[in-house]
Amino acid sequence: MPVVHVRVDETLTGGTKGTRAADSWYAVADNLLVKRTSATDADTQTPFGYSHYHEVLSVTLADLHPRQ
């Protein structure tokens, strides 16, 4: 199926500082989200110092037809 790829790179500022990169693939025919990957690295200030957060995810559509 033809897809369009969208990449978003973000810089987090304020109380939470870091970066996030997300890639999404959408079906051209109906804008259905087919796949998304994302990586986040951030540091958040707490009363006890900084807390680091790291997340990596990947979600892929398994089937175009729902199972009954």
N, C-alpha and C. Protein backbone atom coordinates (compact mmCIF):
# COMPACT_ATOMS: atom_id res chain seq x y z
N MET A 1 0.85 -1.17 0.00
CA MET A 1 0.00 0.00 0.00
C MET A 1 0.89 1.23 0.00
N PRO A 2 0.57 2.24 -0.79
CA PRO A 2 1.35 3.47 -0.80
C PRO A 2 1.16 4.23 0.52
N VAL A 3 2.26 4.74 1.06
CA VAL A 3 2.22 5.48 2.31
C VAL A 3 2.98 6.79 2.15
N VAL A 4 2.67 7.73 3.04
CA VAL A 4 3.43 8.97 3.14
C VAL A 4 4.11 8.97 4.51
N HIS A 5 5.37 9.40 4.53
CA HIS A 5 6.17 9.40 5.76
C HIS A 5 6.25 10.82 6.30
N VAL A 6 6.01 10.96 7.61
CA VAL A 6 6.10 12.26 8.29
C VAL A 6 7.07 12.11 9.45
N ARG A 7 8.05 13.00 9.52
CA ARG A 7 9.00 13.00 10.65
C ARG A 7 8.85 14.31 11.42
N VAL A 8 8.81 14.19 12.75
CA VAL A 8 8.72 15.36 13.61
C VAL A 8 9.87 15.27 14.62
N ASP A 9 10.72 16.29 14.63
CA ASP A 9 11.80 16.41 15.61
C ASP A 9 11.45 17.55 16.55
N GLU A 10 11.46 17.27 17.85
CA GLU A 10 11.08 18.29 18.83
C GLU A 10 12.20 18.51 19.84
N THR A 11 12.31 19.73 20.30
CA THR A 11 13.18 20.08 21.42
C THR A 11 12.29 20.47 22.58
N LEU A 12 12.43 19.77 23.70
CA LEU A 12 11.62 20.03 24.88
C LEU A 12 12.33 21.07 25.74
N THR A 13 11.58 22.08 26.17
CA THR A 13 12.15 23.16 26.99
C THR A 13 11.26 23.39 28.20
N GLY A 14 11.73 24.20 29.12
CA GLY A 14 10.95 24.48 30.32
C GLY A 14 11.40 23.56 31.44
N GLY A 15 10.44 23.11 32.25
CA GLY A 15 10.75 22.22 33.37
C GLY A 15 11.28 20.88 32.90
N THR A 16 10.92 20.47 31.70
CA THR A 16 11.42 19.24 31.09
C THR A 16 12.25 19.62 29.88
N LYS A 17 13.50 19.17 29.86
CA LYS A 17 14.39 19.49 28.76
C LYS A 17 14.82 18.19 28.08
N GLY A 18 14.84 18.21 26.74
CA GLY A 18 15.28 17.02 26.03
C GLY A 18 14.88 17.05 24.58
N THR A 19 14.83 15.87 23.98
CA THR A 19 14.48 15.75 22.56
C THR A 19 13.49 14.62 22.35
N ARG A 20 12.74 14.75 21.27
CA ARG A 20 11.81 13.69 20.85
C ARG A 20 11.84 13.65 19.33
N ALA A 21 11.96 12.46 18.77
CA ALA A 21 11.89 12.26 17.33
C ALA A 21 10.81 11.23 17.06
N ALA A 22 9.88 11.55 16.18
CA ALA A 22 8.79 10.63 15.86
C ALA A 22 8.65 10.50 14.35
N ASP A 23 8.51 9.27 13.89
CA ASP A 23 8.26 8.98 12.48
C ASP A 23 6.91 8.29 12.37
N SER A 24 6.08 8.77 11.44
CA SER A 24 4.76 8.18 11.22
C SER A 24 4.59 7.90 9.74
N TRP A 25 3.94 6.78 9.43
CA TRP A 25 3.63 6.42 8.05
C TRP A 25 2.11 6.29 7.94
N TYR A 26 1.53 7.03 7.00
CA TYR A 26 0.08 7.05 6.80
C TYR A 26 -0.25 6.51 5.41
N ALA A 27 -1.33 5.71 5.34
CA ALA A 27 -1.80 5.22 4.05
C ALA A 27 -2.31 6.40 3.23
N VAL A 28 -1.89 6.47 1.97
CA VAL A 28 -2.28 7.57 1.10
C VAL A 28 -3.79 7.56 0.86
N ALA A 29 -4.38 6.39 0.72
CA ALA A 29 -5.80 6.28 0.35
C ALA A 29 -6.74 6.85 1.40
N ASP A 30 -6.43 6.64 2.71
CA ASP A 30 -7.41 7.03 3.74
C ASP A 30 -6.77 7.63 5.00
N ASN A 31 -5.50 7.96 4.96
CA ASN A 31 -4.78 8.56 6.10
C ASN A 31 -4.68 7.65 7.32
N LEU A 32 -4.89 6.35 7.14
CA LEU A 32 -4.78 5.40 8.24
C LEU A 32 -3.33 5.33 8.71
N LEU A 33 -3.11 5.43 10.02
CA LEU A 33 -1.77 5.30 10.57
C LEU A 33 -1.33 3.84 10.44
N VAL A 34 -0.26 3.61 9.70
CA VAL A 34 0.23 2.27 9.43
C VAL A 34 1.37 1.90 10.38
N LYS A 35 2.21 2.88 10.70
CA LYS A 35 3.34 2.62 11.59
C LYS A 35 3.76 3.92 12.25
N ARG A 36 4.24 3.80 13.49
CA ARG A 36 4.81 4.96 14.19
C ARG A 36 5.99 4.48 15.04
N THR A 37 7.08 5.22 14.96
CA THR A 37 8.22 5.00 15.84
C THR A 37 8.51 6.32 16.54
N SER A 38 9.04 6.22 17.75
CA SER A 38 9.31 7.43 18.51
C SER A 38 10.43 7.15 19.51
N ALA A 39 11.26 8.17 19.73
CA ALA A 39 12.31 8.08 20.74
C ALA A 39 12.34 9.40 21.50
N THR A 40 12.31 9.30 22.83
CA THR A 40 12.33 10.49 23.69
C THR A 40 13.44 10.34 24.72
N ASP A 41 14.20 11.40 24.89
CA ASP A 41 15.18 11.50 25.97
C ASP A 41 14.96 12.84 26.64
N ALA A 42 14.69 12.82 27.94
CA ALA A 42 14.36 14.07 28.62
C ALA A 42 14.82 14.02 30.08
N ASP A 43 15.04 15.20 30.61
CA ASP A 43 15.36 15.38 32.02
C ASP A 43 14.35 16.35 32.61
N THR A 44 13.76 15.95 33.73
CA THR A 44 12.76 16.77 34.40
C THR A 44 13.27 17.16 35.77
N GLN A 45 13.15 18.43 36.09
CA GLN A 45 13.59 18.90 37.40
C GLN A 45 12.54 18.53 38.44
N THR A 46 13.00 17.93 39.54
CA THR A 46 12.13 17.56 40.66
C THR A 46 12.70 18.21 41.92
N PRO A 47 11.97 18.16 43.03
CA PRO A 47 12.52 18.72 44.28
C PRO A 47 13.81 18.01 44.73
N PHE A 48 14.07 16.82 44.18
CA PHE A 48 15.24 16.03 44.58
C PHE A 48 16.35 16.06 43.54
N GLY A 49 16.22 16.90 42.53
CA GLY A 49 17.21 16.96 41.45
C GLY A 49 16.55 16.59 40.13
N TYR A 50 17.35 16.21 39.17
CA TYR A 50 16.81 15.86 37.85
C TYR A 50 16.49 14.38 37.76
N SER A 51 15.43 14.08 37.06
CA SER A 51 15.02 12.71 36.78
C SER A 51 15.09 12.50 35.27
N HIS A 52 15.78 11.44 34.84
CA HIS A 52 15.93 11.17 33.40
C HIS A 52 14.83 10.23 32.92
N TYR A 53 14.33 10.52 31.73
CA TYR A 53 13.28 9.70 31.12
C TYR A 53 13.75 9.31 29.73
N HIS A 54 13.65 8.02 29.40
CA HIS A 54 14.02 7.52 28.07
C HIS A 54 12.92 6.58 27.60
N GLU A 55 12.42 6.81 26.40
CA GLU A 55 11.36 5.96 25.86
C GLU A 55 11.62 5.73 24.38
N VAL A 56 11.50 4.48 23.95
CA VAL A 56 11.58 4.12 22.54
C VAL A 56 10.38 3.23 22.26
N LEU A 57 9.64 3.56 21.19
CA LEU A 57 8.48 2.73 20.87
C LEU A 57 8.35 2.55 19.37
N SER A 58 7.70 1.46 19.02
CA SER A 58 7.39 1.17 17.63
C SER A 58 6.04 0.45 17.59
N VAL A 59 5.12 0.99 16.82
CA VAL A 59 3.78 0.41 16.69
C VAL A 59 3.52 0.22 15.20
N THR A 60 3.09 -0.98 14.83
CA THR A 60 2.81 -1.28 13.42
C THR A 60 1.44 -1.92 13.30
N LEU A 61 0.66 -1.45 12.34
CA LEU A 61 -0.65 -2.03 12.06
C LEU A 61 -0.46 -3.47 11.60
N ALA A 62 -1.11 -4.40 12.26
CA ALA A 62 -0.94 -5.82 11.94
C ALA A 62 -1.81 -6.28 10.79
N ASP A 63 -3.00 -5.70 10.66
CA ASP A 63 -3.95 -6.18 9.64
C ASP A 63 -4.92 -5.06 9.31
N LEU A 64 -5.31 -4.98 8.06
CA LEU A 64 -6.27 -3.96 7.63
C LEU A 64 -7.71 -4.34 7.97
N HIS A 65 -7.92 -5.61 8.30
CA HIS A 65 -9.28 -6.10 8.58
C HIS A 65 -9.36 -6.55 10.04
N PRO A 66 -10.29 -5.98 10.82
CA PRO A 66 -10.42 -6.38 12.23
C PRO A 66 -10.79 -7.85 12.37
N ARG A 67 -10.28 -8.47 13.40
CA ARG A 67 -10.64 -9.87 13.68
C ARG A 67 -11.96 -9.90 14.41
N GLN A 68 -12.76 -10.88 14.12
CA GLN A 68 -14.09 -11.00 14.73
C GLN A 68 -14.03 -11.93 15.93
